[in-house]
């Protein structure tokens, strides 16, 4: 089973990624929604990822290890998609759950921590 990026868009519905340019190219962050699913099936799960510059990230002074961030030198949508696709391609497993949990180490899965009630 292989996962693929089926769709990518900004979490802010007012932002069109193909037209987006940050005000300060050296200091920005942008929240993304990634629709990722199995290559041989319809549908996808949502994963959340923030892209940001190293300067922006450093200024946040995070106190613990963080996930769900992708550091980029500039906003280049093609390069960002390529990096995301590369990370997704590293995930492998026999089930979607196994693969999604691996991707969850990189981008935050909508079902992270979900426990099914009986």
Protein backbone atom coordinates (compact mmCIF):
# COMPACT_ATOMS: atom_id res chain seq x y z
CA UNK A 1 0.00 0.00 0.00
CA UNK A 2 1.29 3.46 -0.91
CA UNK A 3 0.07 6.88 0.23
CA UNK A 4 -0.16 9.89 -2.07
CA UNK A 5 -0.87 13.59 -1.69
CA UNK A 6 -4.28 14.03 -3.28
CA UNK A 7 -4.85 17.69 -2.53
CA UNK A 8 -3.21 20.61 -0.74
CA UNK A 9 -4.72 23.91 0.28
CA UNK A 10 -4.26 26.67 2.83
CA UNK A 11 -6.16 26.24 6.08
CA UNK A 12 -7.35 29.82 5.60
CA UNK A 13 -9.98 29.57 2.86
CA UNK A 14 -9.17 33.13 1.70
CA UNK A 15 -5.64 32.14 0.64
CA UNK A 16 -5.12 30.72 -2.84
CA UNK A 17 -1.81 28.85 -2.77
CA UNK A 18 -1.02 29.39 -6.44
CA UNK A 19 -1.22 33.16 -5.90
CA UNK A 20 0.17 33.39 -2.37
CA UNK A 21 3.26 35.47 -1.65
CA UNK A 22 4.20 36.20 1.98
CA UNK A 23 4.66 39.83 2.97
CA UNK A 24 8.13 39.03 4.29
CA UNK A 25 9.67 36.09 2.40
CA UNK A 26 12.25 35.53 5.17
CA UNK A 27 9.75 35.53 8.04
CA UNK A 28 6.41 33.79 7.58
CA UNK A 29 4.27 30.81 8.48
CA UNK A 30 1.33 29.31 6.66
CA UNK A 31 -1.00 26.55 7.83
CA UNK A 32 -1.79 23.89 5.24
CA UNK A 33 -4.36 21.12 4.97
CA UNK A 34 -3.07 18.04 3.19
CA UNK A 35 -5.47 15.44 1.88
CA UNK A 36 -3.53 12.19 1.83
CA UNK A 37 -4.86 8.78 0.99
CA UNK A 38 -4.05 5.37 -0.38
CA UNK A 39 -3.07 5.49 -4.03
CA UNK A 40 -5.45 2.67 -4.93
CA UNK A 41 -8.54 4.00 -3.13
CA UNK A 42 -10.84 6.99 -3.25
CA UNK A 43 -10.96 9.34 -0.31
CA UNK A 44 -8.32 10.83 1.93
CA UNK A 45 -7.62 11.82 5.50
CA UNK A 46 -6.68 15.34 6.52
CA UNK A 47 -3.21 16.10 7.83
CA UNK A 48 -2.20 19.54 9.07
CA UNK A 49 1.20 21.06 8.42
CA UNK A 50 2.63 24.52 9.02
CA UNK A 51 5.27 25.70 6.59
CA UNK A 52 7.54 28.41 7.92
CA UNK A 53 10.94 29.98 7.57
CA UNK A 54 13.72 29.15 10.04
CA UNK A 55 13.62 32.75 11.33
CA UNK A 56 9.92 32.52 12.13
CA UNK A 57 10.36 29.10 13.77
CA UNK A 58 13.29 30.26 15.91
CA UNK A 59 11.35 33.25 17.19
CA UNK A 60 8.55 31.02 18.51
CA UNK A 61 10.81 29.68 21.29
CA UNK A 62 9.16 26.27 21.40
CA UNK A 63 9.99 24.58 24.71
CA UNK A 64 9.60 20.96 23.60
CA UNK A 65 10.16 19.00 20.43
CA UNK A 66 7.48 19.83 17.91
CA UNK A 67 6.04 18.15 14.85
CA UNK A 68 3.78 19.45 12.17
CA UNK A 69 6.24 22.05 10.87
CA UNK A 70 8.15 22.13 7.61
CA UNK A 71 10.96 24.68 7.42
CA UNK A 72 11.45 26.32 4.04
CA UNK A 73 13.80 29.05 2.85
CA UNK A 74 11.13 30.69 0.70
CA UNK A 75 7.60 30.13 -0.51
CA UNK A 76 7.89 28.02 -3.63
CA UNK A 77 4.78 25.87 -3.99
CA UNK A 78 6.39 23.34 -6.34
CA UNK A 79 9.34 22.79 -3.99
CA UNK A 80 7.02 22.54 -0.98
CA UNK A 81 4.85 19.93 -2.72
CA UNK A 82 7.96 17.97 -3.67
CA UNK A 83 9.21 17.96 -0.05
CA UNK A 84 5.79 16.89 1.24
CA UNK A 85 5.49 14.13 -1.37
CA UNK A 86 8.97 12.88 -0.47
CA UNK A 87 8.00 12.62 3.20
CA UNK A 88 4.77 10.80 2.31
CA UNK A 89 6.63 8.33 0.09
CA UNK A 90 8.80 7.29 3.05
CA UNK A 91 5.75 5.81 4.81
CA UNK A 92 5.02 2.15 4.21
CA UNK A 93 2.89 -0.53 5.76
CA UNK A 94 0.29 -3.20 5.24
CA UNK A 95 -2.64 -1.02 6.28
CA UNK A 96 -3.72 2.58 5.97
CA UNK A 97 -3.56 2.90 9.76
CA UNK A 98 0.14 1.93 9.79
CA UNK A 99 0.96 4.37 7.00
CA UNK A 100 -1.10 7.22 8.46
CA UNK A 101 0.63 6.82 11.83
CA UNK A 102 4.00 7.19 10.12
CA UNK A 103 2.87 10.30 8.24
CA UNK A 104 1.53 11.59 11.57
CA UNK A 105 5.12 11.94 12.74
CA UNK A 106 5.58 14.60 10.05
CA UNK A 107 2.13 16.19 9.62
CA UNK A 108 -0.64 16.12 12.21
CA UNK A 109 -3.31 13.53 11.38
CA UNK A 110 -6.94 14.44 11.97
CA UNK A 111 -7.32 11.14 13.87
CA UNK A 112 -4.21 11.56 16.04
CA UNK A 113 -5.02 10.14 19.47
CA UNK A 114 -8.47 8.94 18.41
CA UNK A 115 -9.81 6.06 20.48
CA UNK A 116 -12.83 4.15 19.25
CA UNK A 117 -15.48 3.63 21.91
CA UNK A 118 -17.12 0.27 22.27
